Amino acid sequence: RRVVRLAVLEELRASYGIKVKSGSCLAAVKQPGAAAAEGKVFGISFHALPQSLVPEYGYIPSFLVDTCQYLEEHVHIEGLFRKSGSLVRLKALKSKLDQGENCISAALPCDVAGLLKQFFRELPEPILPPHLQEGLFKAQQLGNEKKTATMLLSCLMADRTIEALRYFFNFLRTVSLRSNENRMDSSNLAVIFAPNLLHSNENEKMSANTEKKIRLQAGVVQTL
């Protein structure tokens, strides 16, 4: 695994001019150790979350599996993820989930969609690793080569992160395939999820540089 990562780092540098610090990438070969937090879902380390084994993907956070499976049944709803759920209901649902209560199946789709965004937003570290974000932005500016460069960069993430992202982005693809009903194509989904997956500052003062960064962030999510 370490040799593969070194080869990827060299390919990114030589073919695409993307330089990534090797230390963080090679450290990702070892799975970060973290004790599972009993029942808690929000605001804890990604690697401490309770996991479920999903065939063809691997171990995925159970909350992510439960919410995606539930939302797949409601994927036809117009404005899914764009329409905000009730803040009062979201707070109550979060509290129940952190106490280990299985309440997703009885919740409203717009509330569960809001919970999913909040889950990513409240991770201590963004699921798209900070040390790779600059490289991912550069990849979006490579024209026809952006998909290849993005895929290479994704190979530098921890294995559990790769598994979870494969699962989640396959779910988003399922949502986008029903965009004639839900009005949520890949572009719309990318704009909505980019701040949550990359932990960007939504309150940052708007400027030409900020606008460019927002476009690149959405581009990363759409490419993935």
C-alpha atoms as a PDB file:
ATOM      1  CA  ARG A   1       0.000   0.000   0.000  1.00  0.00           C
ATOM      2  CA  ARG A   2       2.853   2.348   0.895  1.00  0.00           C
ATOM      3  CA  VAL A   3       4.572   1.672  -2.445  1.00  0.00           C
ATOM      4  CA  VAL A   4       1.328   2.351  -4.330  1.00  0.00           C
ATOM      5  CA  ARG A   5       0.915   5.685  -2.545  1.00  0.00           C
ATOM      6  CA  LEU A   6       4.490   6.691  -3.362  1.00  0.00           C
ATOM      7  CA  ALA A   7       3.846   5.825  -7.035  1.00  0.00           C
ATOM      8  CA  VAL A   8       0.636   7.897  -7.016  1.00  0.00           C
ATOM      9  CA  LEU A   9       2.430  10.875  -5.450  1.00  0.00           C
ATOM     10  CA  GLU A  10       5.107  10.711  -8.144  1.00  0.00           C
ATOM     11  CA  GLU A  11       2.544  10.383 -10.962  1.00  0.00           C
ATOM     12  CA  LEU A  12       0.599  13.404  -9.688  1.00  0.00           C
ATOM     13  CA  ARG A  13       3.788  15.472  -9.543  1.00  0.00           C
ATOM     14  CA  ALA A  14       5.258  14.372 -12.862  1.00  0.00           C
ATOM     15  CA  SER A  15       2.133  14.244 -15.041  1.00  0.00           C
ATOM     16  CA  TYR A  16      -0.126  16.893 -13.519  1.00  0.00           C
ATOM     17  CA  GLY A  17       2.133  19.228 -11.552  1.00  0.00           C
ATOM     18  CA  ILE A  18       0.212  18.453  -8.357  1.00  0.00           C
ATOM     19  CA  LYS A  19       2.444  18.278  -5.284  1.00  0.00           C
ATOM     20  CA  VAL A  20       1.110  16.695  -2.110  1.00  0.00           C
ATOM     21  CA  LYS A  21       3.058  16.321   1.150  1.00  0.00           C
ATOM     22  CA  SER A  22       3.937  12.658   1.346  1.00  0.00           C
ATOM     23  CA  GLY A  23       3.920  12.403   5.152  1.00  0.00           C
ATOM     24  CA  SER A  24       0.150  12.662   5.617  1.00  0.00           C
ATOM     25  CA  CYS A  25      -0.552  10.379   2.657  1.00  0.00           C
ATOM     26  CA  LEU A  26       1.799   7.642   3.835  1.00  0.00           C
ATOM     27  CA  ALA A  27       0.375   7.897   7.359  1.00  0.00           C
ATOM     28  CA  ALA A  28      -3.027   7.057   5.869  1.00  0.00           C
ATOM     29  CA  VAL A  29      -1.705   3.557   5.100  1.00  0.00           C
ATOM     30  CA  LYS A  30      -2.249   2.816   8.785  1.00  0.00           C
ATOM     31  CA  GLN A  31      -5.884   2.997   9.836  1.00  0.00           C
ATOM     32  CA  PRO A  32      -6.264   5.720  12.472  1.00  0.00           C
ATOM     33  CA  GLY A  33      -6.976   4.110  15.798  1.00  0.00           C
ATOM     34  CA  ALA A  34     -10.011   5.471  17.622  1.00  0.00           C
ATOM     35  CA  ALA A  35     -12.200   3.912  20.259  1.00  0.00           C
ATOM     36  CA  ALA A  36     -15.831   3.595  19.173  1.00  0.00           C
ATOM     37  CA  ALA A  37     -18.012   6.184  20.899  1.00  0.00           C
ATOM     38  CA  GLU A  38     -20.929   4.407  22.515  1.00  0.00           C
ATOM     39  CA  GLY A  39     -24.043   5.272  20.513  1.00  0.00           C
ATOM     40  CA  LYS A  40     -22.888   8.792  19.642  1.00  0.00           C
ATOM     41  CA  VAL A  41     -23.186   9.892  15.995  1.00  0.00           C
ATOM     42  CA  PHE A  42     -22.574  13.644  15.652  1.00  0.00           C
ATOM     43  CA  GLY A  43     -19.353  15.545  16.230  1.00  0.00           C
ATOM     44  CA  ILE A  44     -17.066  12.557  16.806  1.00  0.00           C
ATOM     45  CA  SER A  45     -14.163  11.184  14.782  1.00  0.00           C
ATOM     46  CA  PHE A  46     -15.129   9.429  11.558  1.00  0.00           C
ATOM     47  CA  HIS A  47     -13.077   6.381  12.596  1.00  0.00           C
ATOM     48  CA  ALA A  48     -14.822   6.148  15.997  1.00  0.00           C
ATOM     49  CA  LEU A  49     -18.307   5.796  14.495  1.00  0.00           C
ATOM     50  CA  PRO A  50     -20.179   2.476  14.740  1.00  0.00           C
ATOM     51  CA  GLN A  51     -19.692   0.632  11.432  1.00  0.00           C
ATOM     52  CA  SER A  52     -21.773  -1.700   9.275  1.00  0.00           C
ATOM     53  CA  LEU A  53     -20.351  -4.130   6.721  1.00  0.00           C
ATOM     54  CA  VAL A  54     -21.822  -3.370   3.289  1.00  0.00           C
ATOM     55  CA  PRO A  55     -21.107  -5.969   0.571  1.00  0.00           C
ATOM     56  CA  GLU A  56     -18.909  -4.649  -2.263  1.00  0.00           C
ATOM     57  CA  TYR A  57     -17.967  -1.552  -0.248  1.00  0.00           C
ATOM     58  CA  GLY A  58     -16.559  -2.558   3.139  1.00  0.00           C
ATOM     59  CA  TYR A  59     -17.164  -1.067   6.579  1.00  0.00           C
ATOM     60  CA  ILE A  60     -19.313   2.073   6.376  1.00  0.00           C
ATOM     61  CA  PRO A  61     -20.553   4.232   9.291  1.00  0.00           C
ATOM     62  CA  SER A  62     -23.924   2.762  10.287  1.00  0.00           C
ATOM     63  CA  PHE A  63     -25.579   6.186  10.341  1.00  0.00           C
ATOM     64  CA  LEU A  64     -24.529   6.801   6.739  1.00  0.00           C
ATOM     65  CA  VAL A  65     -25.934   3.423   5.654  1.00  0.00           C
ATOM     66  CA  ASP A  66     -29.230   3.954   7.510  1.00  0.00           C
ATOM     67  CA  THR A  67     -29.829   7.465   6.144  1.00  0.00           C
ATOM     68  CA  CYS A  68     -28.859   6.635   2.544  1.00  0.00           C
ATOM     69  CA  GLN A  69     -31.015   3.507   2.497  1.00  0.00           C
ATOM     70  CA  TYR A  70     -33.960   5.467   3.896  1.00  0.00           C
ATOM     71  CA  LEU A  71     -33.521   8.359   1.450  1.00  0.00           C
ATOM     72  CA  GLU A  72     -33.272   5.983  -1.522  1.00  0.00           C
ATOM     73  CA  GLU A  73     -36.936   5.170  -0.848  1.00  0.00           C
ATOM     74  CA  HIS A  74     -37.779   8.882  -1.146  1.00  0.00           C
ATOM     75  CA  VAL A  75     -35.391   9.807  -3.947  1.00  0.00           C
ATOM     76  CA  HIS A  76     -38.266  11.051  -6.136  1.00  0.00           C
ATOM     77  CA  ILE A  77     -39.109  13.981  -3.808  1.00  0.00           C
ATOM     78  CA  GLU A  78     -38.620  17.342  -5.497  1.00  0.00           C
ATOM     79  CA  GLY A  79     -35.970  19.500  -3.839  1.00  0.00           C
ATOM     80  CA  LEU A  80     -34.553  16.684  -1.702  1.00  0.00           C
ATOM     81  CA  PHE A  81     -31.516  18.154   0.159  1.00  0.00           C
ATOM     82  CA  ARG A  82     -32.401  21.671  -1.018  1.00  0.00           C
ATOM     83  CA  LYS A  83     -35.490  22.039   1.172  1.00  0.00           C
ATOM     84  CA  SER A  84     -34.606  22.583   4.808  1.00  0.00           C
ATOM     85  CA  GLY A  85     -36.067  20.405   7.511  1.00  0.00           C
ATOM     86  CA  SER A  86     -37.463  21.772  10.764  1.00  0.00           C
ATOM     87  CA  LEU A  87     -34.700  22.947  13.112  1.00  0.00           C
ATOM     88  CA  VAL A  88     -36.745  21.818  16.117  1.00  0.00           C
ATOM     89  CA  ARG A  89     -37.277  18.331  14.654  1.00  0.00           C
ATOM     90  CA  LEU A  90     -33.602  18.096  13.596  1.00  0.00           C
ATOM     91  CA  LYS A  91     -32.438  18.905  17.117  1.00  0.00           C
ATOM     92  CA  ALA A  92     -34.777  16.269  18.571  1.00  0.00           C
ATOM     93  CA  LEU A  93     -33.654  13.653  16.034  1.00  0.00           C
ATOM     94  CA  LYS A  94     -29.967  14.374  16.726  1.00  0.00           C
ATOM     95  CA  SER A  95     -30.529  13.949  20.445  1.00  0.00           C
ATOM     96  CA  LYS A  96     -32.326  10.624  19.958  1.00  0.00           C
ATOM     97  CA  LEU A  97     -29.648   9.304  17.596  1.00  0.00           C
ATOM     98  CA  ASP A  98     -26.836  10.272  19.987  1.00  0.00           C
ATOM     99  CA  GLN A  99     -28.664   8.334  22.706  1.00  0.00           C
ATOM    100  CA  GLY A 100     -28.671   5.252  20.490  1.00  0.00           C
ATOM    101  CA  GLU A 101     -32.338   5.420  19.470  1.00  0.00           C
ATOM    102  CA  ASN A 102     -33.212   4.199  15.962  1.00  0.00           C
ATOM    103  CA  CYS A 103     -35.574   6.962  14.831  1.00  0.00           C
ATOM    104  CA  ILE A 104     -34.693   7.516  11.163  1.00  0.00           C
ATOM    105  CA  SER A 105     -37.414   5.317   9.683  1.00  0.00           C
ATOM    106  CA  ALA A 106     -40.119   7.401  11.412  1.00  0.00           C
ATOM    107  CA  ALA A 107     -38.703  10.800  10.395  1.00  0.00           C
ATOM    108  CA  LEU A 108     -39.617  13.014   7.445  1.00  0.00           C
ATOM    109  CA  PRO A 109     -37.384  12.765   4.336  1.00  0.00           C
ATOM    110  CA  CYS A 110     -36.422  16.467   4.408  1.00  0.00           C
ATOM    111  CA  ASP A 111     -35.356  16.117   8.056  1.00  0.00           C
ATOM    112  CA  VAL A 112     -33.230  13.029   7.340  1.00  0.00           C
ATOM    113  CA  ALA A 113     -31.636  14.833   4.372  1.00  0.00           C
ATOM    114  CA  GLY A 114     -30.805  17.723   6.723  1.00  0.00           C
ATOM    115  CA  LEU A 115     -29.330  15.307   9.262  1.00  0.00           C
ATOM    116  CA  LEU A 116     -27.057  13.815   6.616  1.00  0.00           C
ATOM    117  CA  LYS A 117     -25.637  17.226   5.709  1.00  0.00           C
ATOM    118  CA  GLN A 118     -25.205  18.079   9.385  1.00  0.00           C
ATOM    119  CA  PHE A 119     -23.444  14.770  10.042  1.00  0.00           C
ATOM    120  CA  PHE A 120     -20.695  15.606   7.526  1.00  0.00           C
ATOM    121  CA  ARG A 121     -20.550  19.224   8.656  1.00  0.00           C
ATOM    122  CA  GLU A 122     -19.994  18.292  12.308  1.00  0.00           C
ATOM    123  CA  LEU A 123     -17.192  15.765  11.765  1.00  0.00           C
ATOM    124  CA  PRO A 124     -14.098  17.037  13.647  1.00  0.00           C
ATOM    125  CA  GLU A 125     -12.153  16.788  10.358  1.00  0.00           C
ATOM    126  CA  PRO A 126     -13.740  17.078   6.892  1.00  0.00           C
ATOM    127  CA  ILE A 127     -14.172  13.703   5.196  1.00  0.00           C
ATOM    128  CA  LEU A 128     -12.265  15.072   2.181  1.00  0.00           C
ATOM    129  CA  PRO A 129      -8.857  15.424   3.912  1.00  0.00           C
ATOM    130  CA  PRO A 130      -7.510  18.998   4.257  1.00  0.00           C
ATOM    131  CA  HIS A 131      -4.010  18.022   3.025  1.00  0.00           C
ATOM    132  CA  LEU A 132      -5.526  16.870  -0.294  1.00  0.00           C
ATOM    133  CA  GLN A 133      -7.964  19.729  -0.895  1.00  0.00           C
ATOM    134  CA  GLU A 134      -5.502  22.041  -2.667  1.00  0.00           C
ATOM    135  CA  GLY A 135      -4.539  19.197  -4.990  1.00  0.00           C
ATOM    136  CA  LEU A 136      -8.200  18.428  -5.652  1.00  0.00           C
ATOM    137  CA  PHE A 137      -8.765  22.093  -6.577  1.00  0.00           C
ATOM    138  CA  LYS A 138      -5.825  22.000  -8.997  1.00  0.00           C
ATOM    139  CA  ALA A 139      -7.196  18.817 -10.553  1.00  0.00           C
ATOM    140  CA  GLN A 140     -10.450  20.601 -11.436  1.00  0.00           C
ATOM    141  CA  GLN A 141      -8.482  22.992 -13.645  1.00  0.00           C
ATOM    142  CA  LEU A 142      -6.919  20.275 -15.810  1.00  0.00           C
ATOM    143  CA  GLY A 143      -9.698  19.987 -18.400  1.00  0.00           C
ATOM    144  CA  ASN A 144      -9.892  16.458 -19.806  1.00  0.00           C
ATOM    145  CA  GLU A 145      -7.415  15.159 -17.224  1.00  0.00           C
ATOM    146  CA  LYS A 146      -9.374  16.238 -14.134  1.00  0.00           C
ATOM    147  CA  LYS A 147     -11.120  12.898 -13.576  1.00  0.00           C
ATOM    148  CA  THR A 148      -7.882  10.901 -13.717  1.00  0.00           C
ATOM    149  CA  ALA A 149      -6.071  13.315 -11.380  1.00  0.00           C
ATOM    150  CA  THR A 150      -9.029  13.352  -8.958  1.00  0.00           C
ATOM    151  CA  MET A 151      -9.119   9.544  -8.877  1.00  0.00           C
ATOM    152  CA  LEU A 152      -5.367   9.415  -8.180  1.00  0.00           C
ATOM    153  CA  LEU A 153      -5.771  11.886  -5.309  1.00  0.00           C
ATOM    154  CA  SER A 154      -8.598   9.807  -3.851  1.00  0.00           C
ATOM    155  CA  CYS A 155      -6.182   6.842  -3.696  1.00  0.00           C
ATOM    156  CA  LEU A 156      -4.174   8.784  -1.097  1.00  0.00           C
ATOM    157  CA  MET A 157      -7.000   8.754   1.458  1.00  0.00           C
ATOM    158  CA  ALA A 158      -7.338   6.237   4.290  1.00  0.00           C
ATOM    159  CA  ASP A 159      -8.976   2.973   3.199  1.00  0.00           C
ATOM    160  CA  ARG A 160     -12.058   3.455   5.403  1.00  0.00           C
ATOM    161  CA  THR A 161     -12.518   6.963   4.006  1.00  0.00           C
ATOM    162  CA  ILE A 162     -12.313   5.655   0.430  1.00  0.00           C
ATOM    163  CA  GLU A 163     -14.908   2.969   1.200  1.00  0.00           C
ATOM    164  CA  ALA A 164     -17.323   5.457   2.756  1.00  0.00           C
ATOM    165  CA  LEU A 165     -16.904   7.966  -0.076  1.00  0.00           C
ATOM    166  CA  ARG A 166     -17.484   5.271  -2.721  1.00  0.00           C
ATOM    167  CA  TYR A 167     -20.691   4.314  -0.918  1.00  0.00           C
ATOM    168  CA  PHE A 168     -21.884   7.900  -0.446  1.00  0.00           C
ATOM    169  CA  PHE A 169     -21.099   9.109  -3.958  1.00  0.00           C
ATOM    170  CA  ASN A 170     -22.828   6.075  -5.434  1.00  0.00           C
ATOM    171  CA  PHE A 171     -25.874   7.144  -3.413  1.00  0.00           C
ATOM    172  CA  LEU A 172     -25.611  10.713  -4.754  1.00  0.00           C
ATOM    173  CA  ARG A 173     -25.380   9.281  -8.269  1.00  0.00           C
ATOM    174  CA  THR A 174     -28.638   7.393  -7.613  1.00  0.00           C
ATOM    175  CA  VAL A 175     -30.251  10.685  -6.542  1.00  0.00           C
ATOM    176  CA  SER A 176     -28.975  12.490  -9.654  1.00  0.00           C
ATOM    177  CA  LEU A 177     -30.351   9.780 -11.974  1.00  0.00           C
ATOM    178  CA  ARG A 178     -33.844  10.790 -10.797  1.00  0.00           C
ATOM    179  CA  SER A 179     -33.220  14.510 -11.358  1.00  0.00           C
ATOM    180  CA  ASN A 180     -36.176  14.767 -13.753  1.00  0.00           C
ATOM    181  CA  GLU A 181     -38.343  14.212 -10.652  1.00  0.00           C
ATOM    182  CA  ASN A 182     -36.316  15.587  -7.733  1.00  0.00           C
ATOM    183  CA  ARG A 183     -34.570  18.450  -9.612  1.00  0.00           C
ATOM    184  CA  MET A 184     -31.309  17.385  -7.959  1.00  0.00           C
ATOM    185  CA  ASP A 185     -28.764  16.809 -10.733  1.00  0.00           C
ATOM    186  CA  SER A 186     -25.049  16.306 -10.032  1.00  0.00           C
ATOM    187  CA  SER A 187     -24.380  20.041 -10.274  1.00  0.00           C
ATOM    188  CA  ASN A 188     -27.051  20.953  -7.703  1.00  0.00           C
ATOM    189  CA  LEU A 189     -25.957  18.168  -5.350  1.00  0.00           C
ATOM    190  CA  ALA A 190     -22.330  19.298  -5.630  1.00  0.00           C
ATOM    191  CA  VAL A 191     -23.175  22.894  -4.663  1.00  0.00           C
ATOM    192  CA  ILE A 192     -25.195  21.683  -1.659  1.00  0.00           C
ATOM    193  CA  PHE A 193     -22.706  19.127  -0.332  1.00  0.00           C
ATOM    194  CA  ALA A 194     -19.382  20.872  -1.017  1.00  0.00           C
ATOM    195  CA  PRO A 195     -19.469  23.059   2.160  1.00  0.00           C
ATOM    196  CA  ASN A 196     -20.272  19.974   4.261  1.00  0.00           C
ATOM    197  CA  LEU A 197     -17.696  17.612   2.744  1.00  0.00           C
ATOM    198  CA  LEU A 198     -14.859  20.160   2.652  1.00  0.00           C
ATOM    199  CA  HIS A 199     -15.867  22.239   5.712  1.00  0.00           C
ATOM    200  CA  SER A 200     -15.691  25.517   3.827  1.00  0.00           C
ATOM    201  CA  ASN A 201     -16.627  28.752   5.554  1.00  0.00           C
ATOM    202  CA  GLU A 202     -20.078  29.728   4.269  1.00  0.00           C
ATOM    203  CA  ASN A 203     -19.821  33.114   6.007  1.00  0.00           C
ATOM    204  CA  GLU A 204     -16.578  34.090   4.264  1.00  0.00           C
ATOM    205  CA  LYS A 205     -16.729  37.536   2.673  1.00  0.00           C
ATOM    206  CA  MET A 206     -17.510  37.205  -1.040  1.00  0.00           C
ATOM    207  CA  SER A 207     -14.757  38.177  -3.458  1.00  0.00           C
ATOM    208  CA  ALA A 208     -13.466  37.008  -6.847  1.00  0.00           C
ATOM    209  CA  ASN A 209     -11.129  34.541  -5.072  1.00  0.00           C
ATOM    210  CA  THR A 210     -13.935  33.264  -2.845  1.00  0.00           C
ATOM    211  CA  GLU A 211     -16.235  32.721  -5.828  1.00  0.00           C
ATOM    212  CA  LYS A 212     -13.499  30.795  -7.625  1.00  0.00           C
ATOM    213  CA  LYS A 213     -12.885  28.642  -4.553  1.00  0.00           C
ATOM    214  CA  ILE A 214     -16.618  27.867  -4.233  1.00  0.00           C
ATOM    215  CA  ARG A 215     -16.726  26.806  -7.895  1.00  0.00           C
ATOM    216  CA  LEU A 216     -13.678  24.570  -7.423  1.00  0.00           C
ATOM    217  CA  GLN A 217     -15.143  23.005  -4.280  1.00  0.00           C
ATOM    218  CA  ALA A 218     -18.369  22.174  -6.099  1.00  0.00           C
ATOM    219  CA  GLY A 219     -16.306  20.900  -9.033  1.00  0.00           C
ATOM    220  CA  VAL A 220     -14.460  18.449  -6.764  1.00  0.00           C
ATOM    221  CA  VAL A 221     -17.728  17.008  -5.436  1.00  0.00           C
ATOM    222  CA  GLN A 222     -19.314  16.821  -8.885  1.00  0.00           C
ATOM    223  CA  THR A 223     -16.266  15.030 -10.329  1.00  0.00           C
ATOM    224  CA  LEU A 224     -16.249  12.515  -7.482  1.00  0.00           C
END
